């Protein structure tokens, strides 16, 4: 896979159930208020550590507010060697209306 794929929440949920990692690139305060269960917060301060520690072949789903910024972040991860990257269409806003029980609050995953 040389490019990321855009996927709807239903496909993201299926990948999540198979062990895909979800990364949330929204601001830390918004992430703390509500995020996809198990999602890891990713920003400019921790992305280098994330990339160093990551399995570049493991599936990664990038989520933002509405599915726009996640496309740039997904493209960046691909450029850093990740081979299985997805951008969540509709972002967290569509996710929480589709899977309201699959969200969490606080700073932990």
PDB file of N, CA and C in Angstrom:
ATOM      1  N   UNK A   1       0.851  -1.181   0.000  1.00  0.00           N
ATOM      2  CA  UNK A   1       0.000   0.000   0.000  1.00  0.00           C
ATOM      3  C   UNK A   1       0.889   1.233   0.000  1.00  0.00           C
ATOM      4  N   UNK A   2       0.851   2.010  -1.056  1.00  0.00           N
ATOM      5  CA  UNK A   2       1.717   3.182  -1.130  1.00  0.00           C
ATOM      6  C   UNK A   2       0.986   4.460  -0.746  1.00  0.00           C
ATOM      7  N   UNK A   3      -0.325   4.387  -0.624  1.00  0.00           N
ATOM      8  CA  UNK A   3      -1.123   5.537  -0.212  1.00  0.00           C
ATOM      9  C   UNK A   3      -2.119   5.092   0.844  1.00  0.00           C
ATOM     10  N   UNK A   4      -2.641   6.069   1.578  1.00  0.00           N
ATOM     11  CA  UNK A   4      -3.670   5.749   2.562  1.00  0.00           C
ATOM     12  C   UNK A   4      -5.015   5.572   1.860  1.00  0.00           C
ATOM     13  N   UNK A   5      -5.967   4.961   2.581  1.00  0.00           N
ATOM     14  CA  UNK A   5      -7.325   4.795   2.070  1.00  0.00           C
ATOM     15  C   UNK A   5      -8.290   5.533   2.980  1.00  0.00           C
ATOM     16  N   UNK A   6      -9.305   6.145   2.383  1.00  0.00           N
ATOM     17  CA  UNK A   6     -10.374   6.775   3.149  1.00  0.00           C
ATOM     18  C   UNK A   6     -11.448   5.725   3.402  1.00  0.00           C
ATOM     19  N   UNK A   7     -11.871   5.605   4.673  1.00  0.00           N
ATOM     20  CA  UNK A   7     -12.856   4.585   5.020  1.00  0.00           C
ATOM     21  C   UNK A   7     -13.953   5.161   5.909  1.00  0.00           C
ATOM     22  N   UNK A   8     -15.161   4.613   5.809  1.00  0.00           N
ATOM     23  CA  UNK A   8     -16.264   5.051   6.666  1.00  0.00           C
ATOM     24  C   UNK A   8     -16.146   4.413   8.055  1.00  0.00           C
ATOM     25  N   UNK A   9     -16.900   4.914   9.032  1.00  0.00           N
ATOM     26  CA  UNK A   9     -16.828   4.360  10.385  1.00  0.00           C
ATOM     27  C   UNK A   9     -17.051   2.846  10.442  1.00  0.00           C
ATOM     28  N   UNK A  10     -17.944   2.323   9.629  1.00  0.00           N
ATOM     29  CA  UNK A  10     -18.228   0.890   9.673  1.00  0.00           C
ATOM     30  C   UNK A  10     -16.990   0.058   9.331  1.00  0.00           C
ATOM     31  N   UNK A  11     -16.248   0.493   8.330  1.00  0.00           N
ATOM     32  CA  UNK A  11     -15.028  -0.221   7.952  1.00  0.00           C
ATOM     33  C   UNK A  11     -13.942  -0.015   9.014  1.00  0.00           C
ATOM     34  N   UNK A  12     -13.882   1.178   9.577  1.00  0.00           N
ATOM     35  CA  UNK A  12     -12.909   1.453  10.643  1.00  0.00           C
ATOM     36  C   UNK A  12     -13.194   0.575  11.854  1.00  0.00           C
ATOM     37  N   UNK A  13     -14.465   0.415  12.185  1.00  0.00           N
ATOM     38  CA  UNK A  13     -14.834  -0.425  13.324  1.00  0.00           C
ATOM     39  C   UNK A  13     -14.416  -1.871  13.070  1.00  0.00           C
ATOM     40  N   UNK A  14     -14.626  -2.368  11.869  1.00  0.00           N
ATOM     41  CA  UNK A  14     -14.223  -3.740  11.532  1.00  0.00           C
ATOM     42  C   UNK A  14     -12.707  -3.892  11.661  1.00  0.00           C
ATOM     43  N   UNK A  15     -11.954  -2.921  11.178  1.00  0.00           N
ATOM     44  CA  UNK A  15     -10.491  -2.971  11.301  1.00  0.00           C
ATOM     45  C   UNK A  15     -10.059  -2.895  12.760  1.00  0.00           C
ATOM     46  N   UNK A  16     -10.743  -2.057  13.518  1.00  0.00           N
ATOM     47  CA  UNK A  16     -10.455  -1.914  14.945  1.00  0.00           C
ATOM     48  C   UNK A  16     -10.639  -3.242  15.659  1.00  0.00           C
ATOM     49  N   UNK A  17     -11.711  -3.936  15.314  1.00  0.00           N
ATOM     50  CA  UNK A  17     -11.988  -5.231  15.934  1.00  0.00           C
ATOM     51  C   UNK A  17     -10.924  -6.265  15.579  1.00  0.00           C
ATOM     52  N   UNK A  18     -10.214  -6.030  14.463  1.00  0.00           N
ATOM     53  CA  UNK A  18      -9.136  -6.927  14.044  1.00  0.00           C
ATOM     54  C   UNK A  18      -7.774  -6.468  14.571  1.00  0.00           C
ATOM     55  N   UNK A  19      -7.768  -5.424  15.397  1.00  0.00           N
ATOM     56  CA  UNK A  19      -6.532  -4.988  16.034  1.00  0.00           C
ATOM     57  C   UNK A  19      -5.885  -3.738  15.486  1.00  0.00           C
ATOM     58  N   UNK A  20      -6.534  -3.041  14.556  1.00  0.00           N
ATOM     59  CA  UNK A  20      -5.960  -1.801  14.026  1.00  0.00           C
ATOM     60  C   UNK A  20      -5.853  -0.758  15.141  1.00  0.00           C
ATOM     61  N   UNK A  21      -4.802   0.022  15.080  1.00  0.00           N
ATOM     62  CA  UNK A  21      -4.593   1.106  16.025  1.00  0.00           C
ATOM     63  C   UNK A  21      -5.295   2.354  15.508  1.00  0.00           C
ATOM     64  N   UNK A  22      -6.000   3.048  16.403  1.00  0.00           N
ATOM     65  CA  UNK A  22      -6.623   4.319  16.044  1.00  0.00           C
ATOM     66  C   UNK A  22      -5.806   5.432  16.675  1.00  0.00           C
ATOM     67  N   UNK A  23      -5.433   6.427  15.873  1.00  0.00           N
ATOM     68  CA  UNK A  23      -4.756   7.614  16.398  1.00  0.00           C
ATOM     69  C   UNK A  23      -5.654   8.826  16.154  1.00  0.00           C
ATOM     70  N   UNK A  24      -5.758   9.661  17.163  1.00  0.00           N
ATOM     71  CA  UNK A  24      -6.626  10.838  17.148  1.00  0.00           C
ATOM     72  C   UNK A  24      -5.729  12.065  17.109  1.00  0.00           C
ATOM     73  N   UNK A  25      -5.872  12.892  16.071  1.00  0.00           N
ATOM     74  CA  UNK A  25      -4.990  14.052  15.912  1.00  0.00           C
ATOM     75  C   UNK A  25      -5.647  15.372  16.311  1.00  0.00           C
ATOM     76  N   UNK A  26      -6.815  15.292  16.952  1.00  0.00           N
ATOM     77  CA  UNK A  26      -7.457  16.527  17.415  1.00  0.00           C
ATOM     78  C   UNK A  26      -6.667  17.105  18.581  1.00  0.00           C
ATOM     79  N   UNK A  27      -6.997  18.315  19.010  1.00  0.00           N
ATOM     80  CA  UNK A  27      -6.252  18.936  20.102  1.00  0.00           C
ATOM     81  C   UNK A  27      -6.451  18.143  21.399  1.00  0.00           C
ATOM     82  N   UNK A  28      -5.478  18.231  22.322  1.00  0.00           N
ATOM     83  CA  UNK A  28      -5.525  17.409  23.539  1.00  0.00           C
ATOM     84  C   UNK A  28      -6.780  17.608  24.381  1.00  0.00           C
ATOM     85  N   UNK A  29      -7.267  18.844  24.470  1.00  0.00           N
ATOM     86  CA  UNK A  29      -8.450  19.115  25.282  1.00  0.00           C
ATOM     87  C   UNK A  29      -9.684  18.417  24.704  1.00  0.00           C
ATOM     88  N   UNK A  30      -9.832  18.480  23.398  1.00  0.00           N
ATOM     89  CA  UNK A  30     -10.975  17.852  22.745  1.00  0.00           C
ATOM     90  C   UNK A  30     -10.877  16.333  22.864  1.00  0.00           C
ATOM     91  N   UNK A  31      -9.669  15.800  22.683  1.00  0.00           N
ATOM     92  CA  UNK A  31      -9.449  14.362  22.847  1.00  0.00           C
ATOM     93  C   UNK A  31      -9.870  13.927  24.250  1.00  0.00           C
ATOM     94  N   UNK A  32      -9.486  14.708  25.268  1.00  0.00           N
ATOM     95  CA  UNK A  32      -9.811  14.360  26.650  1.00  0.00           C
ATOM     96  C   UNK A  32     -11.318  14.363  26.901  1.00  0.00           C
ATOM     97  N   UNK A  33     -12.043  15.238  26.217  1.00  0.00           N
ATOM     98  CA  UNK A  33     -13.492  15.306  26.399  1.00  0.00           C
ATOM     99  C   UNK A  33     -14.201  14.072  25.848  1.00  0.00           C
ATOM    100  N   UNK A  34     -13.732  13.558  24.709  1.00  0.00           N
ATOM    101  CA  UNK A  34     -14.369  12.389  24.101  1.00  0.00           C
ATOM    102  C   UNK A  34     -13.538  11.928  22.917  1.00  0.00           C
ATOM    103  N   UNK A  35     -13.319  10.626  22.828  1.00  0.00           N
ATOM    104  CA  UNK A  35     -12.553  10.053  21.722  1.00  0.00           C
ATOM    105  C   UNK A  35     -12.980   8.601  21.494  1.00  0.00           C
ATOM    106  N   UNK A  36     -12.521   8.037  20.412  1.00  0.00           N
ATOM    107  CA  UNK A  36     -12.805   6.640  20.105  1.00  0.00           C
ATOM    108  C   UNK A  36     -12.102   5.780  21.153  1.00  0.00           C
ATOM    109  N   UNK A  37     -12.822   4.813  21.705  1.00  0.00           N
ATOM    110  CA  UNK A  37     -12.227   3.930  22.706  1.00  0.00           C
ATOM    111  C   UNK A  37     -10.949   3.315  22.162  1.00  0.00           C
ATOM    112  N   UNK A  38      -9.899   3.377  22.970  1.00  0.00           N
ATOM    113  CA  UNK A  38      -8.625   2.788  22.599  1.00  0.00           C
ATOM    114  C   UNK A  38      -7.749   3.665  21.720  1.00  0.00           C
ATOM    115  N   UNK A  39      -8.271   4.818  21.291  1.00  0.00           N
ATOM    116  CA  UNK A  39      -7.489   5.699  20.421  1.00  0.00           C
ATOM    117  C   UNK A  39      -6.329   6.321  21.185  1.00  0.00           C
ATOM    118  N   UNK A  40      -5.217   6.458  20.500  1.00  0.00           N
ATOM    119  CA  UNK A  40      -4.037   7.110  21.053  1.00  0.00           C
ATOM    120  C   UNK A  40      -3.989   8.533  20.528  1.00  0.00           C
ATOM    121  N   UNK A  41      -3.778   9.496  21.428  1.00  0.00           N
ATOM    122  CA  UNK A  41      -3.669  10.889  20.979  1.00  0.00           C
ATOM    123  C   UNK A  41      -2.315  11.091  20.328  1.00  0.00           C
ATOM    124  N   UNK A  42      -2.307  11.764  19.188  1.00  0.00           N
ATOM    125  CA  UNK A  42      -1.079  11.998  18.434  1.00  0.00           C
ATOM    126  C   UNK A  42      -1.016  13.471  18.060  1.00  0.00           C
ATOM    127  N   UNK A  43       0.115  14.106  18.363  1.00  0.00           N
ATOM    128  CA  UNK A  43       0.297  15.505  17.988  1.00  0.00           C
ATOM    129  C   UNK A  43       1.754  15.754  17.642  1.00  0.00           C
ATOM    130  N   UNK A  44       2.106  16.995  17.376  1.00  0.00           N
ATOM    131  CA  UNK A  44       3.470  17.334  16.979  1.00  0.00           C
ATOM    132  C   UNK A  44       4.503  17.006  18.055  1.00  0.00           C
ATOM    133  N   UNK A  45       4.067  16.920  19.315  1.00  0.00           N
ATOM    134  CA  UNK A  45       4.994  16.663  20.412  1.00  0.00           C
ATOM    135  C   UNK A  45       5.348  15.184  20.554  1.00  0.00           C
ATOM    136  N   UNK A  46       4.445  14.289  20.165  1.00  0.00           N
ATOM    137  CA  UNK A  46       4.719  12.864  20.389  1.00  0.00           C
ATOM    138  C   UNK A  46       4.799  12.029  19.105  1.00  0.00           C
ATOM    139  N   UNK A  47       4.644  12.651  17.956  1.00  0.00           N
ATOM    140  CA  UNK A  47       4.610  11.868  16.721  1.00  0.00           C
ATOM    141  C   UNK A  47       5.954  11.194  16.420  1.00  0.00           C
ATOM    142  N   UNK A  48       7.069  11.846  16.711  1.00  0.00           N
ATOM    143  CA  UNK A  48       8.375  11.240  16.436  1.00  0.00           C
ATOM    144  C   UNK A  48       8.555   9.974  17.275  1.00  0.00           C
ATOM    145  N   UNK A  49       8.172  10.036  18.551  1.00  0.00           N
ATOM    146  CA  UNK A  49       8.259   8.851  19.410  1.00  0.00           C
ATOM    147  C   UNK A  49       7.311   7.759  18.925  1.00  0.00           C
ATOM    148  N   UNK A  50       6.120   8.163  18.497  1.00  0.00           N
ATOM    149  CA  UNK A  50       5.148   7.204  17.975  1.00  0.00           C
ATOM    150  C   UNK A  50       5.725   6.468  16.769  1.00  0.00           C
ATOM    151  N   UNK A  51       6.312   7.212  15.843  1.00  0.00           N
ATOM    152  CA  UNK A  51       6.863   6.608  14.623  1.00  0.00           C
ATOM    153  C   UNK A  51       8.012   5.664  14.962  1.00  0.00           C
ATOM    154  N   UNK A  52       8.884   6.081  15.882  1.00  0.00           N
ATOM    155  CA  UNK A  52      10.023   5.234  16.271  1.00  0.00           C
ATOM    156  C   UNK A  52       9.566   3.917  16.877  1.00  0.00           C
ATOM    157  N   UNK A  53       8.505   3.958  17.672  1.00  0.00           N
ATOM    158  CA  UNK A  53       8.055   2.770  18.403  1.00  0.00           C
ATOM    159  C   UNK A  53       7.062   1.908  17.616  1.00  0.00           C
ATOM    160  N   UNK A  54       6.542   2.423  16.529  1.00  0.00           N
ATOM    161  CA  UNK A  54       5.442   1.759  15.821  1.00  0.00           C
ATOM    162  C   UNK A  54       5.895   0.589  14.960  1.00  0.00           C
ATOM    163  N   UNK A  55       4.976  -0.336  14.774  1.00  0.00           N
ATOM    164  CA  UNK A  55       5.122  -1.397  13.778  1.00  0.00           C
ATOM    165  C   UNK A  55       4.623  -0.781  12.473  1.00  0.00           C
ATOM    166  N   UNK A  56       5.522  -0.530  11.540  1.00  0.00           N
ATOM    167  CA  UNK A  56       5.158   0.186  10.310  1.00  0.00           C
ATOM    168  C   UNK A  56       4.214  -0.605   9.417  1.00  0.00           C
ATOM    169  N   UNK A  57       4.081  -1.902   9.661  1.00  0.00           N
ATOM    170  CA  UNK A  57       3.179  -2.728   8.853  1.00  0.00           C
ATOM    171  C   UNK A  57       1.822  -2.944   9.504  1.00  0.00           C
ATOM    172  N   UNK A  58       1.655  -2.489  10.742  1.00  0.00           N
ATOM    173  CA  UNK A  58       0.374  -2.647  11.436  1.00  0.00           C
ATOM    174  C   UNK A  58      -0.621  -1.615  10.905  1.00  0.00           C
ATOM    175  N   UNK A  59      -1.898  -1.988  10.810  1.00  0.00           N
ATOM    176  CA  UNK A  59      -2.902  -1.029  10.328  1.00  0.00           C
ATOM    177  C   UNK A  59      -3.111   0.123  11.317  1.00  0.00           C
ATOM    178  N   UNK A  60      -3.174   1.345  10.768  1.00  0.00           N
ATOM    179  CA  UNK A  60      -3.372   2.553  11.574  1.00  0.00           C
ATOM    180  C   UNK A  60      -4.521   3.341  10.957  1.00  0.00           C
ATOM    181  N   UNK A  61      -5.477   3.721  11.803  1.00  0.00           N
ATOM    182  CA  UNK A  61      -6.603   4.552  11.382  1.00  0.00           C
ATOM    183  C   UNK A  61      -6.409   5.935  11.999  1.00  0.00           C
ATOM    184  N   UNK A  62      -6.418   6.972  11.163  1.00  0.00           N
ATOM    185  CA  UNK A  62      -6.229   8.343  11.645  1.00  0.00           C
ATOM    186  C   UNK A  62      -7.589   9.030  11.707  1.00  0.00           C
ATOM    187  N   UNK A  63      -7.883   9.608  12.874  1.00  0.00           N
ATOM    188  CA  UNK A  63      -9.153  10.313  13.073  1.00  0.00           C
ATOM    189  C   UNK A  63      -8.894  11.766  13.454  1.00  0.00           C
ATOM    190  N   UNK A  64      -9.733  12.660  12.929  1.00  0.00           N
ATOM    191  CA  UNK A  64      -9.686  14.067  13.305  1.00  0.00           C
ATOM    192  C   UNK A  64     -11.126  14.498  13.609  1.00  0.00           C
ATOM    193  N   UNK A  65     -11.432  15.764  13.440  1.00  0.00           N
ATOM    194  CA  UNK A  65     -12.789  16.248  13.722  1.00  0.00           C
ATOM    195  C   UNK A  65     -13.802  15.752  12.686  1.00  0.00           C
ATOM    196  N   UNK A  66     -13.547  16.033  11.406  1.00  0.00           N
ATOM    197  CA  UNK A  66     -14.532  15.754  10.359  1.00  0.00           C
ATOM    198  C   UNK A  66     -13.987  14.938   9.186  1.00  0.00           C
ATOM    199  N   UNK A  67     -12.733  14.502   9.250  1.00  0.00           N
ATOM    200  CA  UNK A  67     -12.171  13.673   8.191  1.00  0.00           C
ATOM    201  C   UNK A  67     -11.331  14.417   7.168  1.00  0.00           C
ATOM    202  N   UNK A  68     -10.998  15.672   7.437  1.00  0.00           N
ATOM    203  CA  UNK A  68     -10.171  16.438   6.503  1.00  0.00           C
ATOM    204  C   UNK A  68      -8.701  16.409   6.893  1.00  0.00           C
ATOM    205  N   UNK A  69      -8.385  16.851   8.110  1.00  0.00           N
ATOM    206  CA  UNK A  69      -6.992  16.874   8.573  1.00  0.00           C
ATOM    207  C   UNK A  69      -6.390  15.479   8.636  1.00  0.00           C
ATOM    208  N   UNK A  70      -7.230  14.484   8.887  1.00  0.00           N
ATOM    209  CA  UNK A  70      -6.725  13.114   8.994  1.00  0.00           C
ATOM    210  C   UNK A  70      -6.125  12.642   7.673  1.00  0.00           C
ATOM    211  N   UNK A  71      -6.581  13.196   6.565  1.00  0.00           N
ATOM    212  CA  UNK A  71      -6.023  12.796   5.274  1.00  0.00           C
ATOM    213  C   UNK A  71      -4.565  13.245   5.154  1.00  0.00           C
ATOM    214  N   UNK A  72      -4.269  14.460   5.580  1.00  0.00           N
ATOM    215  CA  UNK A  72      -2.880  14.949   5.551  1.00  0.00           C
ATOM    216  C   UNK A  72      -2.010  14.148   6.507  1.00  0.00           C
ATOM    217  N   UNK A  73      -2.547  13.865   7.686  1.00  0.00           N
ATOM    218  CA  UNK A  73      -1.780  13.098   8.671  1.00  0.00           C
ATOM    219  C   UNK A  73      -1.544  11.669   8.173  1.00  0.00           C
ATOM    220  N   UNK A  74      -2.539  11.080   7.539  1.00  0.00           N
ATOM    221  CA  UNK A  74      -2.392   9.723   6.994  1.00  0.00           C
ATOM    222  C   UNK A  74      -1.328   9.713   5.900  1.00  0.00           C
ATOM    223  N   UNK A  75      -1.346  10.715   5.042  1.00  0.00           N
ATOM    224  CA  UNK A  75      -0.340  10.815   3.982  1.00  0.00           C
ATOM    225  C   UNK A  75       1.055  10.957   4.592  1.00  0.00           C
ATOM    226  N   UNK A  76       1.157  11.711   5.674  1.00  0.00           N
ATOM    227  CA  UNK A  76       2.445  11.870   6.346  1.00  0.00           C
ATOM    228  C   UNK A  76       2.936  10.529   6.889  1.00  0.00           C
ATOM    229  N   UNK A  77       2.057   9.775   7.527  1.00  0.00           N
ATOM    230  CA  UNK A  77       2.463   8.468   8.058  1.00  0.00           C
ATOM    231  C   UNK A  77       2.935   7.545   6.939  1.00  0.00           C
ATOM    232  N   UNK A  78       2.245   7.576   5.818  1.00  0.00           N
ATOM    233  CA  UNK A  78       2.690   6.779   4.664  1.00  0.00           C
ATOM    234  C   UNK A  78       4.089   7.217   4.248  1.00  0.00           C
ATOM    235  N   UNK A  79       4.331   8.526   4.221  1.00  0.00           N
ATOM    236  CA  UNK A  79       5.650   9.040   3.817  1.00  0.00           C
ATOM    237  C   UNK A  79       6.739   8.633   4.806  1.00  0.00           C
ATOM    238  N   UNK A  80       6.345   8.297   6.030  1.00  0.00           N
ATOM    239  CA  UNK A  80       7.303   7.886   7.059  1.00  0.00           C
ATOM    240  C   UNK A  80       7.505   6.368   7.088  1.00  0.00           C
ATOM    241  N   UNK A  81       6.873   5.660   6.136  1.00  0.00           N
ATOM    242  CA  UNK A  81       7.110   4.226   6.026  1.00  0.00           C
ATOM    243  C   UNK A  81       5.975   3.331   6.459  1.00  0.00           C
ATOM    244  N   UNK A  82       4.882   3.906   6.949  1.00  0.00           N
ATOM    245  CA  UNK A  82       3.736   3.077   7.324  1.00  0.00           C
ATOM    246  C   UNK A  82       3.111   2.513   6.050  1.00  0.00           C
ATOM    247  N   UNK A  83       2.725   1.247   6.096  1.00  0.00           N
ATOM    248  CA  UNK A  83       2.253   0.595   4.868  1.00  0.00           C
ATOM    249  C   UNK A  83       0.745   0.359   4.826  1.00  0.00           C
ATOM    250  N   UNK A  84       0.043   0.533   5.963  1.00  0.00           N
ATOM    251  CA  UNK A  84      -1.383   0.188   6.021  1.00  0.00           C
ATOM    252  C   UNK A  84      -2.122   1.284   6.795  1.00  0.00           C
ATOM    253  N   UNK A  85      -2.382   2.412   6.130  1.00  0.00           N
ATOM    254  CA  UNK A  85      -2.910   3.607   6.793  1.00  0.00           C
ATOM    255  C   UNK A  85      -4.277   3.976   6.220  1.00  0.00           C
ATOM    256  N   UNK A  86      -5.162   4.386   7.124  1.00  0.00           N
ATOM    257  CA  UNK A  86      -6.531   4.750   6.752  1.00  0.00           C
ATOM    258  C   UNK A  86      -6.898   6.096   7.363  1.00  0.00           C
ATOM    259  N   UNK A  87      -7.699   6.863   6.650  1.00  0.00           N
ATOM    260  CA  UNK A  87      -8.252   8.115   7.151  1.00  0.00           C
ATOM    261  C   UNK A  87      -9.742   7.894   7.379  1.00  0.00           C
ATOM    262  N   UNK A  88     -10.211   8.241   8.572  1.00  0.00           N
ATOM    263  CA  UNK A  88     -11.612   8.035   8.932  1.00  0.00           C
ATOM    264  C   UNK A  88     -12.488   9.121   8.303  1.00  0.00           C
ATOM    265  N   UNK A  89     -13.254   8.756   7.297  1.00  0.00           N
ATOM    266  CA  UNK A  89     -14.192   9.695   6.672  1.00  0.00           C
ATOM    267  C   UNK A  89     -15.220  10.153   7.700  1.00  0.00           C
ATOM    268  N   UNK A  90     -15.479  11.447   7.729  1.00  0.00           N
ATOM    269  CA  UNK A  90     -16.444  11.993   8.687  1.00  0.00           C
ATOM    270  C   UNK A  90     -15.842  12.247  10.047  1.00  0.00           C
ATOM    271  N   UNK A  91     -14.619  11.759  10.273  1.00  0.00           N
ATOM    272  CA  UNK A  91     -13.911  11.995  11.524  1.00  0.00           C
ATOM    273  C   UNK A  91     -14.653  11.521  12.759  1.00  0.00           C
ATOM    274  N   UNK A  92     -14.219  12.057  13.896  1.00  0.00           N
ATOM    275  CA  UNK A  92     -14.822  11.668  15.166  1.00  0.00           C
ATOM    276  C   UNK A  92     -16.297  12.041  15.220  1.00  0.00           C
ATOM    277  N   UNK A  93     -16.672  13.142  14.595  1.00  0.00           N
ATOM    278  CA  UNK A  93     -18.074  13.575  14.639  1.00  0.00           C
ATOM    279  C   UNK A  93     -19.001  12.514  14.052  1.00  0.00           C
ATOM    280  N   UNK A  94     -18.652  11.929  12.920  1.00  0.00           N
ATOM    281  CA  UNK A  94     -19.474  10.870  12.342  1.00  0.00           C
ATOM    282  C   UNK A  94     -19.351   9.588  13.161  1.00  0.00           C
ATOM    283  N   UNK A  95     -18.153   9.315  13.675  1.00  0.00           N
ATOM    284  CA  UNK A  95     -17.948   8.117  14.495  1.00  0.00           C
ATOM    285  C   UNK A  95     -18.885   8.132  15.697  1.00  0.00           C
ATOM    286  N   UNK A  96     -18.947   9.262  16.419  1.00  0.00           N
ATOM    287  CA  UNK A  96     -19.725   9.272  17.661  1.00  0.00           C
ATOM    288  C   UNK A  96     -21.229   9.180  17.408  1.00  0.00           C
ATOM    289  N   UNK A  97     -21.688   9.577  16.227  1.00  0.00           N
ATOM    290  CA  UNK A  97     -23.106   9.393  15.927  1.00  0.00           C
ATOM    291  C   UNK A  97     -23.371   7.961  15.454  1.00  0.00           C
ATOM    292  N   UNK A  98     -22.362   7.317  14.861  1.00  0.00           N
ATOM    293  CA  UNK A  98     -22.507   5.946  14.379  1.00  0.00           C
ATOM    294  C   UNK A  98     -22.307   4.939  15.508  1.00  0.00           C
ATOM    295  N   UNK A  99     -21.312   5.187  16.360  1.00  0.00           N
ATOM    296  CA  UNK A  99     -20.965   4.268  17.459  1.00  0.00           C
ATOM    297  C   UNK A  99     -20.843   5.021  18.785  1.00  0.00           C
ATOM    298  N   UNK A 100     -21.956   5.558  19.305  1.00  0.00           N
ATOM    299  CA  UNK A 100     -21.864   6.347  20.542  1.00  0.00           C
ATOM    300  C   UNK A 100     -21.322   5.562  21.735  1.00  0.00           C
ATOM    301  N   UNK A 101     -21.524   4.252  21.763  1.00  0.00           N
ATOM    302  CA  UNK A 101     -21.034   3.441  22.877  1.00  0.00           C
ATOM    303  C   UNK A 101     -19.536   3.146  22.765  1.00  0.00           C
ATOM    304  N   UNK A 102     -18.961   3.452  21.618  1.00  0.00           N
ATOM    305  CA  UNK A 102     -17.531   3.180  21.384  1.00  0.00           C
ATOM    306  C   UNK A 102     -16.693   4.441  21.535  1.00  0.00           C
ATOM    307  N   UNK A 103     -17.050   5.265  22.523  1.00  0.00           N
ATOM    308  CA  UNK A 103     -16.273   6.467  22.815  1.00  0.00           C
ATOM    309  C   UNK A 103     -15.864   6.449  24.276  1.00  0.00           C
ATOM    310  N   UNK A 104     -14.853   7.233  24.595  1.00  0.00           N
ATOM    311  CA  UNK A 104     -14.344   7.299  25.961  1.00  0.00           C
ATOM    312  C   UNK A 104     -13.968   8.733  26.286  1.00  0.00           C
ATOM    313  N   UNK A 105     -13.870   9.034  27.587  1.00  0.00           N
ATOM    314  CA  UNK A 105     -13.446  10.359  28.023  1.00  0.00           C
ATOM    315  C   UNK A 105     -12.164  10.247  28.812  1.00  0.00           C
ATOM    316  N   UNK A 106     -11.509  11.371  29.033  1.00  0.00           N
ATOM    317  CA  UNK A 106     -10.265  11.397  29.795  1.00  0.00           C
ATOM    318  C   UNK A 106      -9.057  11.329  28.892  1.00  0.00           C
ATOM    319  N   UNK A 107      -7.893  11.399  29.513  1.00  0.00           N
ATOM    320  CA  UNK A 107      -6.644  11.408  28.749  1.00  0.00           C
ATOM    321  C   UNK A 107      -6.089  10.031  28.466  1.00  0.00           C
ATOM    322  N   UNK A 108      -6.703   9.006  29.049  1.00  0.00           N
ATOM    323  CA  UNK A 108      -6.199   7.658  28.786  1.00  0.00           C
ATOM    324  C   UNK A 108      -6.942   7.062  27.603  1.00  0.00           C
ATOM    325  N   UNK A 109      -6.351   6.017  27.063  1.00  0.00           N
ATOM    326  CA  UNK A 109      -6.942   5.360  25.906  1.00  0.00           C
ATOM    327  C   UNK A 109      -8.194   4.643  26.325  1.00  0.00           C
TER     328      UNK A 109
END
